[in-house]
Amino acid sequence: MADTDLPVPFGGPTSGFGEVLGLTFGEVGPDEVVLHLPIAPHLHQPYGIVHGGVWCALVETAASVGAATWFGDRGSVVGVSNHTDFLRAVREGAVEARATPIHRGRTQQLWLVEIRDEAGKLVARGEVRLQNLAGGADGLAR
């Protein structure tokens, strides 16, 4: 699925937080989501390496898009837990985040996301648990 074909809530790489980060979607499907992110100075923390929050955002985005794509017209999904491990410092280049489901149930999903650098080295990994909201997300954030 191309960036322009993403489900409405995701809008593609030039909407919202994804635009700020600079991420693009490589693949989007119910069984796998692939994101690409060029590393730029605005993503660095004071020591010149990528800020851990960037890894958390990539993990959350990839898992949420995959979970929502799988859940489809049955309703919405919301993240309830994000556990991301930072394994290797990155200063430059680009990374790829790949999300795959671990468990997809009636009420919750669990997705694994691995982030790798251009050499294929694992730089971060995370798991996101998402709540399936049958019928939609009405009533959230009110």
C-alpha atoms as a PDB file:
ATOM      1  CA  MET A   1       0.000   0.000   0.000  1.00  0.00           C
ATOM      2  CA  ALA A   2       1.407   3.379  -0.981  1.00  0.00           C
ATOM      3  CA  ASP A   3       1.559   6.393   1.355  1.00  0.00           C
ATOM      4  CA  THR A   4      -1.375   7.957  -0.447  1.00  0.00           C
ATOM      5  CA  ASP A   5      -3.478   4.791  -0.003  1.00  0.00           C
ATOM      6  CA  LEU A   6      -3.239   4.648   3.792  1.00  0.00           C
ATOM      7  CA  PRO A   7      -6.419   4.340   5.829  1.00  0.00           C
ATOM      8  CA  VAL A   8      -7.868   7.773   6.629  1.00  0.00           C
ATOM      9  CA  PRO A   9      -6.694   7.997  10.279  1.00  0.00           C
ATOM     10  CA  PHE A  10      -3.052   7.677   9.193  1.00  0.00           C
ATOM     11  CA  GLY A  11      -3.038  10.133   6.324  1.00  0.00           C
ATOM     12  CA  GLY A  12       0.446   9.271   5.122  1.00  0.00           C
ATOM     13  CA  PRO A  13       3.923  10.571   5.859  1.00  0.00           C
ATOM     14  CA  THR A  14       3.049  14.235   5.634  1.00  0.00           C
ATOM     15  CA  SER A  15       0.401  14.352   8.316  1.00  0.00           C
ATOM     16  CA  GLY A  16       0.889  15.196  11.968  1.00  0.00           C
ATOM     17  CA  PHE A  17       3.704  13.709  13.975  1.00  0.00           C
ATOM     18  CA  GLY A  18       4.965  11.612  11.057  1.00  0.00           C
ATOM     19  CA  GLU A  19       5.728  14.794   9.161  1.00  0.00           C
ATOM     20  CA  VAL A  20       7.686  16.213  12.097  1.00  0.00           C
ATOM     21  CA  LEU A  21       9.756  13.043  12.327  1.00  0.00           C
ATOM     22  CA  GLY A  22      10.180  12.655   8.573  1.00  0.00           C
ATOM     23  CA  LEU A  23       8.922   9.085   8.387  1.00  0.00           C
ATOM     24  CA  THR A  24       7.517   7.382   5.317  1.00  0.00           C
ATOM     25  CA  PHE A  25       5.525   4.177   4.993  1.00  0.00           C
ATOM     26  CA  GLY A  26       7.117   1.425   2.936  1.00  0.00           C
ATOM     27  CA  GLU A  27       4.501  -1.302   3.358  1.00  0.00           C
ATOM     28  CA  VAL A  28       1.179  -1.320   5.173  1.00  0.00           C
ATOM     29  CA  GLY A  29      -0.841  -4.460   5.711  1.00  0.00           C
ATOM     30  CA  PRO A  30      -2.626  -6.432   8.406  1.00  0.00           C
ATOM     31  CA  ASP A  31       0.380  -8.737   8.869  1.00  0.00           C
ATOM     32  CA  GLU A  32       3.291  -6.316   8.491  1.00  0.00           C
ATOM     33  CA  VAL A  33       4.036  -2.598   8.468  1.00  0.00           C
ATOM     34  CA  VAL A  34       7.366  -1.127   7.362  1.00  0.00           C
ATOM     35  CA  LEU A  35       8.381   2.475   8.090  1.00  0.00           C
ATOM     36  CA  HIS A  36      11.486   4.338   6.924  1.00  0.00           C
ATOM     37  CA  LEU A  37      13.122   7.229   8.726  1.00  0.00           C
ATOM     38  CA  PRO A  38      16.122   9.274   7.608  1.00  0.00           C
ATOM     39  CA  ILE A  39      18.154  10.342  10.628  1.00  0.00           C
ATOM     40  CA  ALA A  40      18.546  14.114  10.889  1.00  0.00           C
ATOM     41  CA  PRO A  41      19.899  16.450  13.585  1.00  0.00           C
ATOM     42  CA  HIS A  42      16.407  17.472  14.749  1.00  0.00           C
ATOM     43  CA  LEU A  43      16.006  13.865  15.995  1.00  0.00           C
ATOM     44  CA  HIS A  44      19.142  13.983  18.159  1.00  0.00           C
ATOM     45  CA  GLN A  45      19.345  14.420  21.905  1.00  0.00           C
ATOM     46  CA  PRO A  46      22.161  16.610  23.340  1.00  0.00           C
ATOM     47  CA  TYR A  47      24.805  13.866  22.954  1.00  0.00           C
ATOM     48  CA  GLY A  48      24.335  13.735  19.177  1.00  0.00           C
ATOM     49  CA  ILE A  49      22.493  10.423  19.011  1.00  0.00           C
ATOM     50  CA  VAL A  50      18.856   9.721  18.171  1.00  0.00           C
ATOM     51  CA  HIS A  51      16.536  10.523  21.085  1.00  0.00           C
ATOM     52  CA  GLY A  52      14.865   7.448  22.600  1.00  0.00           C
ATOM     53  CA  GLY A  53      11.465   9.040  22.129  1.00  0.00           C
ATOM     54  CA  VAL A  54      11.969   8.760  18.365  1.00  0.00           C
ATOM     55  CA  TRP A  55      12.306   4.977  18.696  1.00  0.00           C
ATOM     56  CA  CYS A  56       9.180   4.882  20.889  1.00  0.00           C
ATOM     57  CA  ALA A  57       7.264   6.912  18.302  1.00  0.00           C
ATOM     58  CA  LEU A  58       8.315   4.622  15.454  1.00  0.00           C
ATOM     59  CA  VAL A  59       7.327   1.546  17.476  1.00  0.00           C
ATOM     60  CA  GLU A  60       3.944   3.029  18.418  1.00  0.00           C
ATOM     61  CA  THR A  61       3.214   4.231  14.880  1.00  0.00           C
ATOM     62  CA  ALA A  62       4.112   0.983  13.128  1.00  0.00           C
ATOM     63  CA  ALA A  63       2.194  -1.188  15.606  1.00  0.00           C
ATOM     64  CA  SER A  64      -0.863   1.081  15.630  1.00  0.00           C
ATOM     65  CA  VAL A  65      -1.115   1.209  11.847  1.00  0.00           C
ATOM     66  CA  GLY A  66      -0.792  -2.573  11.578  1.00  0.00           C
ATOM     67  CA  ALA A  67      -3.312  -3.207  14.338  1.00  0.00           C
ATOM     68  CA  ALA A  68      -5.822  -0.752  12.872  1.00  0.00           C
ATOM     69  CA  THR A  69      -5.389  -2.199   9.388  1.00  0.00           C
ATOM     70  CA  TRP A  70      -6.089  -5.704  10.716  1.00  0.00           C
ATOM     71  CA  PHE A  71      -9.072  -4.597  12.860  1.00  0.00           C
ATOM     72  CA  GLY A  72     -10.482  -2.665   9.904  1.00  0.00           C
ATOM     73  CA  ASP A  73     -14.162  -1.770   9.840  1.00  0.00           C
ATOM     74  CA  ARG A  74     -14.848  -3.493  13.161  1.00  0.00           C
ATOM     75  CA  GLY A  75     -13.811  -0.333  15.034  1.00  0.00           C
ATOM     76  CA  SER A  76     -10.692   1.479  16.245  1.00  0.00           C
ATOM     77  CA  VAL A  77      -7.587   0.530  18.180  1.00  0.00           C
ATOM     78  CA  VAL A  78      -5.700   2.481  20.838  1.00  0.00           C
ATOM     79  CA  GLY A  79      -2.308   1.792  22.351  1.00  0.00           C
ATOM     80  CA  VAL A  80      -2.362   0.893  26.043  1.00  0.00           C
ATOM     81  CA  SER A  81       1.286  -0.069  26.538  1.00  0.00           C
ATOM     82  CA  ASN A  82       4.548   0.642  24.722  1.00  0.00           C
ATOM     83  CA  HIS A  83       7.735  -1.017  25.947  1.00  0.00           C
ATOM     84  CA  THR A  84      10.710  -0.019  23.803  1.00  0.00           C
ATOM     85  CA  ASP A  85      14.321  -1.078  24.359  1.00  0.00           C
ATOM     86  CA  PHE A  86      17.179   1.065  23.013  1.00  0.00           C
ATOM     87  CA  LEU A  87      19.997  -1.255  21.918  1.00  0.00           C
ATOM     88  CA  ARG A  88      22.448   0.725  19.771  1.00  0.00           C
ATOM     89  CA  ALA A  89      23.180   4.424  19.301  1.00  0.00           C
ATOM     90  CA  VAL A  90      22.544   5.955  15.874  1.00  0.00           C
ATOM     91  CA  ARG A  91      23.899   9.307  14.712  1.00  0.00           C
ATOM     92  CA  GLU A  92      23.221   9.357  10.974  1.00  0.00           C
ATOM     93  CA  GLY A  93      21.918   7.374   8.029  1.00  0.00           C
ATOM     94  CA  ALA A  94      18.459   5.859   7.948  1.00  0.00           C
ATOM     95  CA  VAL A  95      16.501   3.217   9.811  1.00  0.00           C
ATOM     96  CA  GLU A  96      13.688   0.831   9.004  1.00  0.00           C
ATOM     97  CA  ALA A  97      10.996  -0.188  11.475  1.00  0.00           C
ATOM     98  CA  ARG A  98       9.173  -3.470  10.815  1.00  0.00           C
ATOM     99  CA  ALA A  99       6.044  -4.384  12.802  1.00  0.00           C
ATOM    100  CA  THR A 100       4.526  -7.862  12.978  1.00  0.00           C
ATOM    101  CA  PRO A 101       1.725  -9.216  15.164  1.00  0.00           C
ATOM    102  CA  ILE A 102       2.491 -11.485  18.107  1.00  0.00           C
ATOM    103  CA  HIS A 103      -1.159 -11.899  19.165  1.00  0.00           C
ATOM    104  CA  ARG A 104      -4.437 -10.667  17.709  1.00  0.00           C
ATOM    105  CA  GLY A 105      -7.467 -11.361  19.831  1.00  0.00           C
ATOM    106  CA  ARG A 106     -11.036 -10.231  20.254  1.00  0.00           C
ATOM    107  CA  THR A 107     -10.218  -7.411  22.689  1.00  0.00           C
ATOM    108  CA  GLN A 108      -6.457  -6.818  22.423  1.00  0.00           C
ATOM    109  CA  GLN A 109      -3.498  -7.120  20.109  1.00  0.00           C
ATOM    110  CA  LEU A 110       0.247  -7.353  20.780  1.00  0.00           C
ATOM    111  CA  TRP A 111       2.719  -6.252  18.109  1.00  0.00           C
ATOM    112  CA  LEU A 112       6.523  -6.561  17.907  1.00  0.00           C
ATOM    113  CA  VAL A 113       8.503  -3.827  16.167  1.00  0.00           C
ATOM    114  CA  GLU A 114      12.186  -4.076  15.279  1.00  0.00           C
ATOM    115  CA  ILE A 115      14.165  -1.039  14.149  1.00  0.00           C
ATOM    116  CA  ARG A 116      17.320  -1.693  12.120  1.00  0.00           C
ATOM    117  CA  ASP A 117      20.006   0.579  10.711  1.00  0.00           C
ATOM    118  CA  GLU A 118      21.277   0.538   7.128  1.00  0.00           C
ATOM    119  CA  ALA A 119      23.682  -2.293   7.977  1.00  0.00           C
ATOM    120  CA  GLY A 120      20.781  -4.398   9.269  1.00  0.00           C
ATOM    121  CA  LYS A 121      21.872  -4.077  12.903  1.00  0.00           C
ATOM    122  CA  LEU A 122      19.097  -4.023  15.472  1.00  0.00           C
ATOM    123  CA  VAL A 123      19.091  -0.575  17.122  1.00  0.00           C
ATOM    124  CA  ALA A 124      15.798  -0.772  19.040  1.00  0.00           C
ATOM    125  CA  ARG A 125      12.874  -3.110  19.554  1.00  0.00           C
ATOM    126  CA  GLY A 126       9.526  -2.690  21.156  1.00  0.00           C
ATOM    127  CA  GLU A 127       6.206  -4.284  21.917  1.00  0.00           C
ATOM    128  CA  VAL A 128       2.902  -2.426  21.842  1.00  0.00           C
ATOM    129  CA  ARG A 129      -0.330  -3.733  23.358  1.00  0.00           C
ATOM    130  CA  LEU A 130      -3.427  -2.248  21.762  1.00  0.00           C
ATOM    131  CA  GLN A 131      -7.061  -2.317  22.831  1.00  0.00           C
ATOM    132  CA  ASN A 132      -9.612  -3.152  20.125  1.00  0.00           C
ATOM    133  CA  LEU A 133     -12.592  -0.805  20.416  1.00  0.00           C
ATOM    134  CA  ALA A 134     -15.509  -2.387  18.600  1.00  0.00           C
ATOM    135  CA  GLY A 135     -17.567   0.278  16.899  1.00  0.00           C
ATOM    136  CA  GLY A 136     -14.952   3.022  17.177  1.00  0.00           C
ATOM    137  CA  ALA A 137     -13.217   5.364  19.580  1.00  0.00           C
ATOM    138  CA  ASP A 138     -16.225   7.474  20.555  1.00  0.00           C
ATOM    139  CA  GLY A 139     -15.802   8.961  23.995  1.00  0.00           C
ATOM    140  CA  LEU A 140     -12.003   9.034  23.984  1.00  0.00           C
ATOM    141  CA  ALA A 141     -10.305  12.248  25.104  1.00  0.00           C
ATOM    142  CA  ARG A 142     -13.509  14.036  26.029  1.00  0.00           C
END
